[in-house]
């Protein structure tokens, strides 16, 4: 059983982990954007910056949203399954489900981003050309 005097420490740990989660999410978004930009720069040296930026934003957004959605769904499913074992099982199930769901969702989001970034990049580039010319 939980000792009531430990609650303030657990509350603080919850706040720290929530903050670290946000840092990790933004770090993933930024690294995915930079990776996409660099890959497009090497593979398509003639590609304009607007198209590269739109492609990078599409990849990063899809991967991040997929990861967040997967983590949330996975945590809920894991907590539900773990609840059959008891309170500790609920917590362990939520953490494990969140990790597994986040990884799966991130992969699914990355796949979707790869499938759509070409269209998004070309569309953004076409719009930019019409505005500037």
C-alpha atoms as a PDB file:
ATOM      1  CA  UNK A   1       0.000   0.000   0.000  1.00  0.00           C
ATOM      2  CA  UNK A   2       1.066   3.569  -0.597  1.00  0.00           C
ATOM      3  CA  UNK A   3       2.332   5.521   2.370  1.00  0.00           C
ATOM      4  CA  UNK A   4       0.477   8.887   2.446  1.00  0.00           C
ATOM      5  CA  UNK A   5       3.679  10.764   3.306  1.00  0.00           C
ATOM      6  CA  UNK A   6       5.139   9.649  -0.058  1.00  0.00           C
ATOM      7  CA  UNK A   7       2.374  11.385  -2.035  1.00  0.00           C
ATOM      8  CA  UNK A   8       4.167  14.770  -2.396  1.00  0.00           C
ATOM      9  CA  UNK A   9       7.164  12.993  -3.934  1.00  0.00           C
ATOM     10  CA  UNK A  10       4.955  11.071  -6.323  1.00  0.00           C
ATOM     11  CA  UNK A  11       3.182  14.289  -7.319  1.00  0.00           C
ATOM     12  CA  UNK A  12       6.524  15.936  -8.037  1.00  0.00           C
ATOM     13  CA  UNK A  13       7.676  12.894 -10.016  1.00  0.00           C
ATOM     14  CA  UNK A  14       4.473  13.085 -12.072  1.00  0.00           C
ATOM     15  CA  UNK A  15       5.111  16.748 -12.909  1.00  0.00           C
ATOM     16  CA  UNK A  16       8.741  16.080 -13.864  1.00  0.00           C
ATOM     17  CA  UNK A  17       7.797  13.144 -16.090  1.00  0.00           C
ATOM     18  CA  UNK A  18       5.124  15.246 -17.791  1.00  0.00           C
ATOM     19  CA  UNK A  19       7.710  17.952 -18.497  1.00  0.00           C
ATOM     20  CA  UNK A  20      10.216  15.412 -19.808  1.00  0.00           C
ATOM     21  CA  UNK A  21       7.532  13.987 -22.070  1.00  0.00           C
ATOM     22  CA  UNK A  22       6.989  17.407 -23.649  1.00  0.00           C
ATOM     23  CA  UNK A  23      10.734  17.889 -24.143  1.00  0.00           C
ATOM     24  CA  UNK A  24      11.008  14.454 -25.759  1.00  0.00           C
ATOM     25  CA  UNK A  25       8.056  15.176 -28.061  1.00  0.00           C
ATOM     26  CA  UNK A  26       9.542  18.469 -29.286  1.00  0.00           C
ATOM     27  CA  UNK A  27      12.982  16.900 -29.635  1.00  0.00           C
ATOM     28  CA  UNK A  28      11.504  14.166 -31.815  1.00  0.00           C
ATOM     29  CA  UNK A  29       9.626  16.714 -33.911  1.00  0.00           C
ATOM     30  CA  UNK A  30      12.748  18.821 -34.467  1.00  0.00           C
ATOM     31  CA  UNK A  31      15.053  15.899 -35.248  1.00  0.00           C
ATOM     32  CA  UNK A  32      12.534  14.439 -37.709  1.00  0.00           C
ATOM     33  CA  UNK A  33      12.248  17.839 -39.433  1.00  0.00           C
ATOM     34  CA  UNK A  34      16.009  18.278 -39.677  1.00  0.00           C
ATOM     35  CA  UNK A  35      16.513  14.712 -40.876  1.00  0.00           C
ATOM     36  CA  UNK A  36      13.901  15.132 -43.609  1.00  0.00           C
ATOM     37  CA  UNK A  37      15.396  18.476 -44.711  1.00  0.00           C
ATOM     38  CA  UNK A  38      18.906  17.016 -44.895  1.00  0.00           C
ATOM     39  CA  UNK A  39      17.748  13.921 -46.744  1.00  0.00           C
ATOM     40  CA  UNK A  40      15.858  15.994 -49.316  1.00  0.00           C
ATOM     41  CA  UNK A  41      18.839  18.340 -49.706  1.00  0.00           C
ATOM     42  CA  UNK A  42      21.116  15.419 -50.547  1.00  0.00           C
ATOM     43  CA  UNK A  43      18.646  13.456 -52.669  1.00  0.00           C
ATOM     44  CA  UNK A  44      17.105  16.434 -54.497  1.00  0.00           C
ATOM     45  CA  UNK A  45      19.695  19.238 -54.613  1.00  0.00           C
ATOM     46  CA  UNK A  46      17.540  21.350 -56.954  1.00  0.00           C
ATOM     47  CA  UNK A  47      14.504  21.233 -54.634  1.00  0.00           C
ATOM     48  CA  UNK A  48      13.489  24.644 -53.309  1.00  0.00           C
ATOM     49  CA  UNK A  49      13.401  25.563 -49.638  1.00  0.00           C
ATOM     50  CA  UNK A  50       9.603  25.932 -49.527  1.00  0.00           C
ATOM     51  CA  UNK A  51       9.108  22.387 -50.816  1.00  0.00           C
ATOM     52  CA  UNK A  52      11.772  20.987 -48.461  1.00  0.00           C
ATOM     53  CA  UNK A  53      10.207  22.832 -45.531  1.00  0.00           C
ATOM     54  CA  UNK A  54       6.710  21.597 -46.322  1.00  0.00           C
ATOM     55  CA  UNK A  55       7.964  18.040 -46.686  1.00  0.00           C
ATOM     56  CA  UNK A  56       9.900  18.256 -43.418  1.00  0.00           C
ATOM     57  CA  UNK A  57       6.902  19.700 -41.559  1.00  0.00           C
ATOM     58  CA  UNK A  58       4.628  16.990 -42.955  1.00  0.00           C
ATOM     59  CA  UNK A  59       6.981  14.188 -41.921  1.00  0.00           C
ATOM     60  CA  UNK A  60       7.538  15.597 -38.441  1.00  0.00           C
ATOM     61  CA  UNK A  61       3.878  16.376 -37.786  1.00  0.00           C
ATOM     62  CA  UNK A  62       2.612  12.999 -38.964  1.00  0.00           C
ATOM     63  CA  UNK A  63       5.219  11.105 -36.945  1.00  0.00           C
ATOM     64  CA  UNK A  64       4.631  13.181 -33.810  1.00  0.00           C
ATOM     65  CA  UNK A  65       0.834  13.038 -33.960  1.00  0.00           C
ATOM     66  CA  UNK A  66       0.959   9.309 -34.652  1.00  0.00           C
ATOM     67  CA  UNK A  67       3.274   8.749 -31.699  1.00  0.00           C
ATOM     68  CA  UNK A  68       1.154  10.811 -29.321  1.00  0.00           C
ATOM     69  CA  UNK A  69      -2.078   9.145 -30.408  1.00  0.00           C
ATOM     70  CA  UNK A  70      -0.517   5.699 -30.197  1.00  0.00           C
ATOM     71  CA  UNK A  71       0.898   6.377 -26.741  1.00  0.00           C
ATOM     72  CA  UNK A  72      -2.438   7.611 -25.438  1.00  0.00           C
ATOM     73  CA  UNK A  73      -4.361   4.660 -26.890  1.00  0.00           C
ATOM     74  CA  UNK A  74      -1.689   2.187 -25.802  1.00  0.00           C
ATOM     75  CA  UNK A  75      -1.632   3.536 -22.247  1.00  0.00           C
ATOM     76  CA  UNK A  76      -5.408   3.247 -21.989  1.00  0.00           C
ATOM     77  CA  UNK A  77      -5.400  -0.300 -23.335  1.00  0.00           C
ATOM     78  CA  UNK A  78      -2.460  -1.293 -21.141  1.00  0.00           C
ATOM     79  CA  UNK A  79      -4.098   0.150 -18.042  1.00  0.00           C
ATOM     80  CA  UNK A  80      -7.331  -1.677 -18.821  1.00  0.00           C
ATOM     81  CA  UNK A  81      -5.538  -4.996 -19.278  1.00  0.00           C
ATOM     82  CA  UNK A  82      -3.311  -4.428 -16.264  1.00  0.00           C
ATOM     83  CA  UNK A  83      -6.293  -3.670 -14.039  1.00  0.00           C
ATOM     84  CA  UNK A  84      -7.103  -7.377 -13.977  1.00  0.00           C
ATOM     85  CA  UNK A  85      -3.944  -7.839 -11.893  1.00  0.00           C
ATOM     86  CA  UNK A  86      -4.688  -4.978  -9.502  1.00  0.00           C
ATOM     87  CA  UNK A  87      -3.589  -1.368  -8.943  1.00  0.00           C
ATOM     88  CA  UNK A  88       0.069  -2.065  -9.636  1.00  0.00           C
ATOM     89  CA  UNK A  89      -0.893  -3.889 -12.829  1.00  0.00           C
ATOM     90  CA  UNK A  90      -2.866  -0.865 -13.954  1.00  0.00           C
ATOM     91  CA  UNK A  91       0.189   1.387 -13.623  1.00  0.00           C
ATOM     92  CA  UNK A  92       2.600  -1.064 -15.203  1.00  0.00           C
ATOM     93  CA  UNK A  93       0.145  -1.778 -18.009  1.00  0.00           C
ATOM     94  CA  UNK A  94      -0.339   1.925 -18.688  1.00  0.00           C
ATOM     95  CA  UNK A  95       3.406   2.563 -18.905  1.00  0.00           C
ATOM     96  CA  UNK A  96       4.099  -0.494 -21.065  1.00  0.00           C
ATOM     97  CA  UNK A  97       1.085   0.185 -23.287  1.00  0.00           C
ATOM     98  CA  UNK A  98       2.089   3.831 -23.660  1.00  0.00           C
ATOM     99  CA  UNK A  99       5.600   2.920 -24.756  1.00  0.00           C
ATOM    100  CA  UNK A 100       4.487   0.216 -27.164  1.00  0.00           C
ATOM    101  CA  UNK A 101       1.620   2.348 -28.497  1.00  0.00           C
ATOM    102  CA  UNK A 102       3.894   5.360 -28.912  1.00  0.00           C
ATOM    103  CA  UNK A 103       6.409   3.369 -30.923  1.00  0.00           C
ATOM    104  CA  UNK A 104       3.725   1.796 -33.104  1.00  0.00           C
ATOM    105  CA  UNK A 105       1.896   5.098 -33.565  1.00  0.00           C
ATOM    106  CA  UNK A 106       5.131   6.886 -34.437  1.00  0.00           C
ATOM    107  CA  UNK A 107       5.910   4.282 -37.095  1.00  0.00           C
ATOM    108  CA  UNK A 108       2.395   4.535 -38.520  1.00  0.00           C
ATOM    109  CA  UNK A 109       2.622   8.333 -38.523  1.00  0.00           C
ATOM    110  CA  UNK A 110       6.019   8.224 -40.217  1.00  0.00           C
ATOM    111  CA  UNK A 111       4.596   5.931 -42.904  1.00  0.00           C
ATOM    112  CA  UNK A 112       1.691   8.334 -43.474  1.00  0.00           C
ATOM    113  CA  UNK A 113       4.072  11.297 -43.588  1.00  0.00           C
ATOM    114  CA  UNK A 114       6.259   9.563 -46.173  1.00  0.00           C
ATOM    115  CA  UNK A 115       3.207   8.840 -48.312  1.00  0.00           C
ATOM    116  CA  UNK A 116       1.874  12.410 -48.194  1.00  0.00           C
ATOM    117  CA  UNK A 117       4.953  14.649 -47.992  1.00  0.00           C
ATOM    118  CA  UNK A 118       5.535  14.607 -51.751  1.00  0.00           C
ATOM    119  CA  UNK A 119       2.077  15.933 -52.512  1.00  0.00           C
ATOM    120  CA  UNK A 120       2.222  18.492 -49.696  1.00  0.00           C
ATOM    121  CA  UNK A 121       5.659  19.707 -50.761  1.00  0.00           C
ATOM    122  CA  UNK A 122       4.697  20.070 -54.419  1.00  0.00           C
ATOM    123  CA  UNK A 123       1.460  21.859 -53.506  1.00  0.00           C
ATOM    124  CA  UNK A 124       3.237  24.289 -51.162  1.00  0.00           C
ATOM    125  CA  UNK A 125       5.900  24.959 -53.781  1.00  0.00           C
ATOM    126  CA  UNK A 126       3.251  25.592 -56.453  1.00  0.00           C
ATOM    127  CA  UNK A 127       1.361  28.008 -54.219  1.00  0.00           C
ATOM    128  CA  UNK A 128       4.586  29.812 -53.320  1.00  0.00           C
ATOM    129  CA  UNK A 129       5.516  30.143 -56.988  1.00  0.00           C
ATOM    130  CA  UNK A 130       2.109  31.691 -57.790  1.00  0.00           C
ATOM    131  CA  UNK A 131       2.416  34.152 -54.927  1.00  0.00           C
ATOM    132  CA  UNK A 132       5.965  35.245 -55.720  1.00  0.00           C
ATOM    133  CA  UNK A 133       5.782  35.301 -59.528  1.00  0.00           C
END
